[in-house]
Amino acid sequence: MTTLADKLTALREGAKDRIPADALAIMHQAVEDLRASGIRDRVLGPGEPMPAFELENVHGEMVDSRALLARGPLILTFYRGVW
């Protein structure tokens, strides 16, 4: 059985052949910059409550997490957009 770790390793190794070396170097530098920023010390852990937020939706309307939670459980998804 192939584990998730195995699949991620294969994907990472395959990137070396698909992504130009200069772009890959930029990506690796961005990861190192994030690590050095200390961001990992500020992320929520499993089971920690998420702070309330307000964000603009795809229609330009403000959405308040408290209003959504008042209606029931809330699921967030993140879409990186089109590059």
PDB file of N, CA and C in Angstrom:
ATOM      1  N   MET A   1       0.833  -1.174   0.000  1.00  0.00           N
ATOM      2  CA  MET A   1       0.000   0.000   0.000  1.00  0.00           C
ATOM      3  C   MET A   1       0.890   1.253   0.000  1.00  0.00           C
ATOM      4  N   THR A   2       0.589   2.171  -0.888  1.00  0.00           N
ATOM      5  CA  THR A   2       1.348   3.411  -0.970  1.00  0.00           C
ATOM      6  C   THR A   2       0.805   4.409   0.047  1.00  0.00           C
ATOM      7  N   THR A   3       1.702   4.960   0.844  1.00  0.00           N
ATOM      8  CA  THR A   3       1.289   5.923   1.864  1.00  0.00           C
ATOM      9  C   THR A   3       1.254   7.329   1.270  1.00  0.00           C
ATOM     10  N   LEU A   4       0.639   8.234   1.989  1.00  0.00           N
ATOM     11  CA  LEU A   4       0.619   9.627   1.571  1.00  0.00           C
ATOM     12  C   LEU A   4       2.047  10.170   1.490  1.00  0.00           C
ATOM     13  N   ALA A   5       2.872   9.803   2.464  1.00  0.00           N
ATOM     14  CA  ALA A   5       4.267  10.258   2.458  1.00  0.00           C
ATOM     15  C   ALA A   5       4.978   9.786   1.193  1.00  0.00           C
ATOM     16  N   ASP A   6       4.715   8.548   0.773  1.00  0.00           N
ATOM     17  CA  ASP A   6       5.321   8.020  -0.455  1.00  0.00           C
ATOM     18  C   ASP A   6       4.862   8.826  -1.671  1.00  0.00           C
ATOM     19  N   LYS A   7       3.574   9.128  -1.720  1.00  0.00           N
ATOM     20  CA  LYS A   7       3.033   9.894  -2.849  1.00  0.00           C
ATOM     21  C   LYS A   7       3.617  11.296  -2.889  1.00  0.00           C
ATOM     22  N   LEU A   8       3.747  11.932  -1.728  1.00  0.00           N
ATOM     23  CA  LEU A   8       4.311  13.274  -1.678  1.00  0.00           C
ATOM     24  C   LEU A   8       5.778  13.281  -2.084  1.00  0.00           C
ATOM     25  N   THR A   9       6.514  12.270  -1.663  1.00  0.00           N
ATOM     26  CA  THR A   9       7.914  12.154  -2.056  1.00  0.00           C
ATOM     27  C   THR A   9       8.033  11.993  -3.568  1.00  0.00           C
ATOM     28  N   ALA A  10       7.192  11.147  -4.154  1.00  0.00           N
ATOM     29  CA  ALA A  10       7.215  10.936  -5.600  1.00  0.00           C
ATOM     30  C   ALA A  10       6.860  12.218  -6.338  1.00  0.00           C
ATOM     31  N   LEU A  11       5.888  12.943  -5.830  1.00  0.00           N
ATOM     32  CA  LEU A  11       5.483  14.211  -6.446  1.00  0.00           C
ATOM     33  C   LEU A  11       6.627  15.217  -6.387  1.00  0.00           C
ATOM     34  N   ARG A  12       7.282  15.290  -5.232  1.00  0.00           N
ATOM     35  CA  ARG A  12       8.408  16.205  -5.057  1.00  0.00           C
ATOM     36  C   ARG A  12       9.558  15.840  -5.998  1.00  0.00           C
ATOM     37  N   GLU A  13       9.851  14.566  -6.103  1.00  0.00           N
ATOM     38  CA  GLU A  13      10.925  14.122  -6.994  1.00  0.00           C
ATOM     39  C   GLU A  13      10.578  14.389  -8.454  1.00  0.00           C
ATOM     40  N   GLY A  14       9.329  14.181  -8.831  1.00  0.00           N
ATOM     41  CA  GLY A  14       8.891  14.416 -10.198  1.00  0.00           C
ATOM     42  C   GLY A  14       8.941  15.882 -10.582  1.00  0.00           C
ATOM     43  N   ALA A  15       8.811  16.763  -9.589  1.00  0.00           N
ATOM     44  CA  ALA A  15       8.844  18.203  -9.855  1.00  0.00           C
ATOM     45  C   ALA A  15      10.177  18.615 -10.448  1.00  0.00           C
ATOM     46  N   LYS A  16      11.234  17.917 -10.089  1.00  0.00           N
ATOM     47  CA  LYS A  16      12.567  18.236 -10.610  1.00  0.00           C
ATOM     48  C   LYS A  16      12.616  18.137 -12.127  1.00  0.00           C
ATOM     49  N   ASP A  17      11.813  17.240 -12.693  1.00  0.00           N
ATOM     50  CA  ASP A  17      11.791  17.051 -14.142  1.00  0.00           C
ATOM     51  C   ASP A  17      10.788  17.974 -14.837  1.00  0.00           C
ATOM     52  N   ARG A  18       9.751  18.415 -14.122  1.00  0.00           N
ATOM     53  CA  ARG A  18       8.682  19.213 -14.733  1.00  0.00           C
ATOM     54  C   ARG A  18       8.877  20.713 -14.596  1.00  0.00           C
ATOM     55  N   ILE A  19       9.556  21.138 -13.538  1.00  0.00           N
ATOM     56  CA  ILE A  19       9.680  22.566 -13.241  1.00  0.00           C
ATOM     57  C   ILE A  19      11.086  23.030 -13.592  1.00  0.00           C
ATOM     58  N   PRO A  20      11.194  24.124 -14.340  1.00  0.00           N
ATOM     59  CA  PRO A  20      12.529  24.638 -14.677  1.00  0.00           C
ATOM     60  C   PRO A  20      13.355  24.915 -13.421  1.00  0.00           C
ATOM     61  N   ALA A  21      14.652  24.691 -13.507  1.00  0.00           N
ATOM     62  CA  ALA A  21      15.542  24.812 -12.352  1.00  0.00           C
ATOM     63  C   ALA A  21      15.462  26.188 -11.696  1.00  0.00           C
ATOM     64  N   ASP A  22      15.368  27.271 -12.500  1.00  0.00           N
ATOM     65  CA  ASP A  22      15.315  28.601 -11.902  1.00  0.00           C
ATOM     66  C   ASP A  22      14.019  28.809 -11.121  1.00  0.00           C
ATOM     67  N   ALA A  23      12.912  28.293 -11.631  1.00  0.00           N
ATOM     68  CA  ALA A  23      11.628  28.399 -10.927  1.00  0.00           C
ATOM     69  C   ALA A  23      11.657  27.553  -9.657  1.00  0.00           C
ATOM     70  N   LEU A  24      12.245  26.373  -9.741  1.00  0.00           N
ATOM     71  CA  LEU A  24      12.352  25.490  -8.573  1.00  0.00           C
ATOM     72  C   LEU A  24      13.197  26.146  -7.477  1.00  0.00           C
ATOM     73  N   ALA A  25      14.268  26.830  -7.878  1.00  0.00           N
ATOM     74  CA  ALA A  25      15.116  27.519  -6.898  1.00  0.00           C
ATOM     75  C   ALA A  25      14.329  28.616  -6.192  1.00  0.00           C
ATOM     76  N   ILE A  26      13.494  29.344  -6.933  1.00  0.00           N
ATOM     77  CA  ILE A  26      12.661  30.388  -6.333  1.00  0.00           C
ATOM     78  C   ILE A  26      11.681  29.771  -5.345  1.00  0.00           C
ATOM     79  N   MET A  27      11.078  28.658  -5.724  1.00  0.00           N
ATOM     80  CA  MET A  27      10.123  27.988  -4.840  1.00  0.00           C
ATOM     81  C   MET A  27      10.801  27.520  -3.550  1.00  0.00           C
ATOM     82  N   HIS A  28      11.986  26.930  -3.682  1.00  0.00           N
ATOM     83  CA  HIS A  28      12.715  26.459  -2.496  1.00  0.00           C
ATOM     84  C   HIS A  28      13.095  27.636  -1.598  1.00  0.00           C
ATOM     85  N   GLN A  29      13.506  28.761  -2.213  1.00  0.00           N
ATOM     86  CA  GLN A  29      13.866  29.932  -1.422  1.00  0.00           C
ATOM     87  C   GLN A  29      12.652  30.477  -0.684  1.00  0.00           C
ATOM     88  N   ALA A  30      11.497  30.467  -1.339  1.00  0.00           N
ATOM     89  CA  ALA A  30      10.269  30.948  -0.698  1.00  0.00           C
ATOM     90  C   ALA A  30       9.923  30.089   0.519  1.00  0.00           C
ATOM     91  N   VAL A  31      10.108  28.785   0.401  1.00  0.00           N
ATOM     92  CA  VAL A  31       9.845  27.883   1.528  1.00  0.00           C
ATOM     93  C   VAL A  31      10.814  28.176   2.670  1.00  0.00           C
ATOM     94  N   GLU A  32      12.071  28.357   2.347  1.00  0.00           N
ATOM     95  CA  GLU A  32      13.062  28.663   3.384  1.00  0.00           C
ATOM     96  C   GLU A  32      12.759  30.003   4.051  1.00  0.00           C
ATOM     97  N   ASP A  33      12.338  30.997   3.251  1.00  0.00           N
ATOM     98  CA  ASP A  33      11.982  32.300   3.817  1.00  0.00           C
ATOM     99  C   ASP A  33      10.812  32.170   4.788  1.00  0.00           C
ATOM    100  N   LEU A  34       9.826  31.368   4.430  1.00  0.00           N
ATOM    101  CA  LEU A  34       8.686  31.148   5.326  1.00  0.00           C
ATOM    102  C   LEU A  34       9.127  30.473   6.618  1.00  0.00           C
ATOM    103  N   ARG A  35       9.968  29.453   6.495  1.00  0.00           N
ATOM    104  CA  ARG A  35      10.463  28.774   7.694  1.00  0.00           C
ATOM    105  C   ARG A  35      11.210  29.744   8.599  1.00  0.00           C
ATOM    106  N   ALA A  36      12.060  30.584   7.996  1.00  0.00           N
ATOM    107  CA  ALA A  36      12.868  31.531   8.767  1.00  0.00           C
ATOM    108  C   ALA A  36      12.009  32.626   9.403  1.00  0.00           C
ATOM    109  N   SER A  37      10.834  32.881   8.856  1.00  0.00           N
ATOM    110  CA  SER A  37       9.970  33.943   9.373  1.00  0.00           C
ATOM    111  C   SER A  37       9.353  33.596  10.725  1.00  0.00           C
ATOM    112  N   GLY A  38       9.368  32.318  11.086  1.00  0.00           N
ATOM    113  CA  GLY A  38       8.751  31.892  12.336  1.00  0.00           C
ATOM    114  C   GLY A  38       7.258  31.633  12.219  1.00  0.00           C
ATOM    115  N   ILE A  39       6.758  31.607  11.002  1.00  0.00           N
ATOM    116  CA  ILE A  39       5.320  31.436  10.784  1.00  0.00           C
ATOM    117  C   ILE A  39       4.794  30.122  11.379  1.00  0.00           C
ATOM    118  N   ARG A  40       5.639  29.100  11.384  1.00  0.00           N
ATOM    119  CA  ARG A  40       5.172  27.811  11.913  1.00  0.00           C
ATOM    120  C   ARG A  40       4.877  27.875  13.404  1.00  0.00           C
ATOM    121  N   ASP A  41       5.466  28.849  14.094  1.00  0.00           N
ATOM    122  CA  ASP A  41       5.210  29.002  15.532  1.00  0.00           C
ATOM    123  C   ASP A  41       3.877  29.688  15.800  1.00  0.00           C
ATOM    124  N   ARG A  42       3.263  30.251  14.734  1.00  0.00           N
ATOM    125  CA  ARG A  42       2.023  31.006  14.907  1.00  0.00           C
ATOM    126  C   ARG A  42       0.799  30.325  14.309  1.00  0.00           C
ATOM    127  N   VAL A  43       0.972  29.159  13.700  1.00  0.00           N
ATOM    128  CA  VAL A  43      -0.176  28.491  13.094  1.00  0.00           C
ATOM    129  C   VAL A  43      -0.998  27.771  14.158  1.00  0.00           C
ATOM    130  N   LEU A  44      -2.268  27.586  13.866  1.00  0.00           N
ATOM    131  CA  LEU A  44      -3.142  26.865  14.781  1.00  0.00           C
ATOM    132  C   LEU A  44      -2.813  25.388  14.748  1.00  0.00           C
ATOM    133  N   GLY A  45      -2.916  24.758  15.885  1.00  0.00           N
ATOM    134  CA  GLY A  45      -2.721  23.322  15.964  1.00  0.00           C
ATOM    135  C   GLY A  45      -4.045  22.595  15.876  1.00  0.00           C
ATOM    136  N   PRO A  46      -3.994  21.290  15.721  1.00  0.00           N
ATOM    137  CA  PRO A  46      -5.234  20.502  15.667  1.00  0.00           C
ATOM    138  C   PRO A  46      -6.091  20.745  16.903  1.00  0.00           C
ATOM    139  N   GLY A  47      -7.367  21.012  16.679  1.00  0.00           N
ATOM    140  CA  GLY A  47      -8.312  21.216  17.770  1.00  0.00           C
ATOM    141  C   GLY A  47      -8.359  22.625  18.319  1.00  0.00           C
ATOM    142  N   GLU A  48      -7.455  23.510  17.890  1.00  0.00           N
ATOM    143  CA  GLU A  48      -7.482  24.890  18.364  1.00  0.00           C
ATOM    144  C   GLU A  48      -8.567  25.667  17.627  1.00  0.00           C
ATOM    145  N   PRO A  49      -9.290  26.516  18.331  1.00  0.00           N
ATOM    146  CA  PRO A  49     -10.336  27.298  17.656  1.00  0.00           C
ATOM    147  C   PRO A  49      -9.727  28.366  16.740  1.00  0.00           C
ATOM    148  N   MET A  50     -10.389  28.573  15.638  1.00  0.00           N
ATOM    149  CA  MET A  50      -9.955  29.577  14.681  1.00  0.00           C
ATOM    150  C   MET A  50     -10.480  30.941  15.112  1.00  0.00           C
ATOM    151  N   PRO A  51      -9.668  31.988  14.987  1.00  0.00           N
ATOM    152  CA  PRO A  51     -10.177  33.318  15.341  1.00  0.00           C
ATOM    153  C   PRO A  51     -11.251  33.768  14.359  1.00  0.00           C
ATOM    154  N   ALA A  52     -12.137  34.626  14.823  1.00  0.00           N
ATOM    155  CA  ALA A  52     -13.176  35.179  13.945  1.00  0.00           C
ATOM    156  C   ALA A  52     -12.512  36.002  12.841  1.00  0.00           C
ATOM    157  N   PHE A  53     -13.171  36.087  11.696  1.00  0.00           N
ATOM    158  CA  PHE A  53     -12.614  36.841  10.577  1.00  0.00           C
ATOM    159  C   PHE A  53     -13.724  37.384   9.694  1.00  0.00           C
ATOM    160  N   GLU A  54     -13.366  38.364   8.913  1.00  0.00           N
ATOM    161  CA  GLU A  54     -14.225  38.892   7.857  1.00  0.00           C
ATOM    162  C   GLU A  54     -13.389  38.919   6.586  1.00  0.00           C
ATOM    163  N   LEU A  55     -13.939  38.355   5.511  1.00  0.00           N
ATOM    164  CA  LEU A  55     -13.253  38.320   4.225  1.00  0.00           C
ATOM    165  C   LEU A  55     -14.234  38.634   3.116  1.00  0.00           C
ATOM    166  N   GLU A  56     -13.689  39.089   2.016  1.00  0.00           N
ATOM    167  CA  GLU A  56     -14.513  39.348   0.840  1.00  0.00           C
ATOM    168  C   GLU A  56     -14.702  38.043   0.069  1.00  0.00           C
ATOM    169  N   ASN A  57     -15.938  37.767  -0.345  1.00  0.00           N
ATOM    170  CA  ASN A  57     -16.183  36.562  -1.139  1.00  0.00           C
ATOM    171  C   ASN A  57     -15.982  36.869  -2.625  1.00  0.00           C
ATOM    172  N   VAL A  58     -16.228  35.894  -3.487  1.00  0.00           N
ATOM    173  CA  VAL A  58     -15.996  36.063  -4.925  1.00  0.00           C
ATOM    174  C   VAL A  58     -16.917  37.101  -5.548  1.00  0.00           C
ATOM    175  N   HIS A  59     -17.964  37.474  -4.857  1.00  0.00           N
ATOM    176  CA  HIS A  59     -18.908  38.471  -5.354  1.00  0.00           C
ATOM    177  C   HIS A  59     -18.612  39.869  -4.802  1.00  0.00           C
ATOM    178  N   GLY A  60     -17.518  39.989  -4.040  1.00  0.00           N
ATOM    179  CA  GLY A  60     -17.157  41.286  -3.477  1.00  0.00           C
ATOM    180  C   GLY A  60     -17.908  41.638  -2.203  1.00  0.00           C
ATOM    181  N   GLU A  61     -18.651  40.681  -1.649  1.00  0.00           N
ATOM    182  CA  GLU A  61     -19.423  40.901  -0.429  1.00  0.00           C
ATOM    183  C   GLU A  61     -18.608  40.448   0.785  1.00  0.00           C
ATOM    184  N   MET A  62     -18.714  41.201   1.883  1.00  0.00           N
ATOM    185  CA  MET A  62     -18.010  40.824   3.104  1.00  0.00           C
ATOM    186  C   MET A  62     -18.747  39.674   3.786  1.00  0.00           C
ATOM    187  N   VAL A  63     -17.993  38.700   4.221  1.00  0.00           N
ATOM    188  CA  VAL A  63     -18.533  37.526   4.908  1.00  0.00           C
ATOM    189  C   VAL A  63     -17.906  37.475   6.295  1.00  0.00           C
ATOM    190  N   ASP A  64     -18.736  37.329   7.313  1.00  0.00           N
ATOM    191  CA  ASP A  64     -18.291  37.299   8.706  1.00  0.00           C
ATOM    192  C   ASP A  64     -18.406  35.864   9.223  1.00  0.00           C
ATOM    193  N   SER A  65     -17.306  35.332   9.716  1.00  0.00           N
ATOM    194  CA  SER A  65     -17.304  33.947  10.186  1.00  0.00           C
ATOM    195  C   SER A  65     -18.280  33.734  11.340  1.00  0.00           C
ATOM    196  N   ARG A  66     -18.469  34.742  12.186  1.00  0.00           N
ATOM    197  CA  ARG A  66     -19.401  34.599  13.319  1.00  0.00           C
ATOM    198  C   ARG A  66     -20.831  34.398  12.824  1.00  0.00           C
ATOM    199  N   ALA A  67     -21.212  35.134  11.771  1.00  0.00           N
ATOM    200  CA  ALA A  67     -22.561  34.989  11.211  1.00  0.00           C
ATOM    201  C   ALA A  67     -22.735  33.598  10.598  1.00  0.00           C
ATOM    202  N   LEU A  68     -21.687  33.106   9.940  1.00  0.00           N
ATOM    203  CA  LEU A  68     -21.775  31.772   9.347  1.00  0.00           C
ATOM    204  C   LEU A  68     -21.869  30.697  10.429  1.00  0.00           C
ATOM    205  N   LEU A  69     -21.060  30.840  11.480  1.00  0.00           N
ATOM    206  CA  LEU A  69     -21.073  29.854  12.567  1.00  0.00           C
ATOM    207  C   LEU A  69     -22.406  29.850  13.308  1.00  0.00           C
ATOM    208  N   ALA A  70     -23.084  30.967  13.331  1.00  0.00           N
ATOM    209  CA  ALA A  70     -24.395  31.033  13.989  1.00  0.00           C
ATOM    210  C   ALA A  70     -25.410  30.149  13.266  1.00  0.00           C
ATOM    211  N   ARG A  71     -25.149  29.875  11.990  1.00  0.00           N
ATOM    212  CA  ARG A  71     -26.055  29.033  11.194  1.00  0.00           C
ATOM    213  C   ARG A  71     -25.687  27.550  11.260  1.00  0.00           C
ATOM    214  N   GLY A  72     -24.500  27.223  11.795  1.00  0.00           N
ATOM    215  CA  GLY A  72     -24.079  25.827  11.891  1.00  0.00           C
ATOM    216  C   GLY A  72     -22.582  25.694  11.662  1.00  0.00           C
ATOM    217  N   PRO A  73     -22.097  24.448  11.543  1.00  0.00           N
ATOM    218  CA  PRO A  73     -20.654  24.219  11.347  1.00  0.00           C
ATOM    219  C   PRO A  73     -20.137  24.935  10.093  1.00  0.00           C
ATOM    220  N   LEU A  74     -18.870  25.296  10.147  1.00  0.00           N
ATOM    221  CA  LEU A  74     -18.241  26.050   9.061  1.00  0.00           C
ATOM    222  C   LEU A  74     -17.064  25.263   8.504  1.00  0.00           C
ATOM    223  N   ILE A  75     -17.027  25.137   7.202  1.00  0.00           N
ATOM    224  CA  ILE A  75     -15.904  24.487   6.519  1.00  0.00           C
ATOM    225  C   ILE A  75     -15.266  25.518   5.610  1.00  0.00           C
ATOM    226  N   LEU A  76     -13.955  25.664   5.716  1.00  0.00           N
ATOM    227  CA  LEU A  76     -13.215  26.596   4.861  1.00  0.00           C
ATOM    228  C   LEU A  76     -12.423  25.829   3.820  1.00  0.00           C
ATOM    229  N   THR A  77     -12.389  26.361   2.620  1.00  0.00           N
ATOM    230  CA  THR A  77     -11.499  25.821   1.591  1.00  0.00           C
ATOM    231  C   THR A  77     -10.669  26.984   1.061  1.00  0.00           C
ATOM    232  N   PHE A  78      -9.492  26.688   0.613  1.00  0.00           N
ATOM    233  CA  PHE A  78      -8.595  27.695   0.083  1.00  0.00           C
ATOM    234  C   PHE A  78      -8.295  27.363  -1.375  1.00  0.00           C
ATOM    235  N   TYR A  79      -8.494  28.337  -2.215  1.00  0.00           N
ATOM    236  CA  TYR A  79      -8.280  28.176  -3.642  1.00  0.00           C
ATOM    237  C   TYR A  79      -7.173  29.133  -4.045  1.00  0.00           C
ATOM    238  N   ARG A  80      -6.109  28.616  -4.600  1.00  0.00           N
ATOM    239  CA  ARG A  80      -4.958  29.459  -4.896  1.00  0.00           C
ATOM    240  C   ARG A  80      -5.181  30.365  -6.099  1.00  0.00           C
ATOM    241  N   GLY A  81      -6.208  30.113  -6.873  1.00  0.00           N
ATOM    242  CA  GLY A  81      -6.474  30.941  -8.045  1.00  0.00           C
ATOM    243  C   GLY A  81      -5.831  30.363  -9.290  1.00  0.00           C
ATOM    244  N   VAL A  82      -5.862  31.139 -10.329  1.00  0.00           N
ATOM    245  CA  VAL A  82      -5.289  30.714 -11.608  1.00  0.00           C
ATOM    246  C   VAL A  82      -3.995  31.465 -11.825  1.00  0.00           C
ATOM    247  N   TRP A  83      -2.953  30.769 -12.175  1.00  0.00           N
ATOM    248  CA  TRP A  83      -1.660  31.396 -12.416  1.00  0.00           C
ATOM    249  C   TRP A  83      -1.427  31.504 -13.887  1.00  0.00           C
TER     250      TRP A  83
END
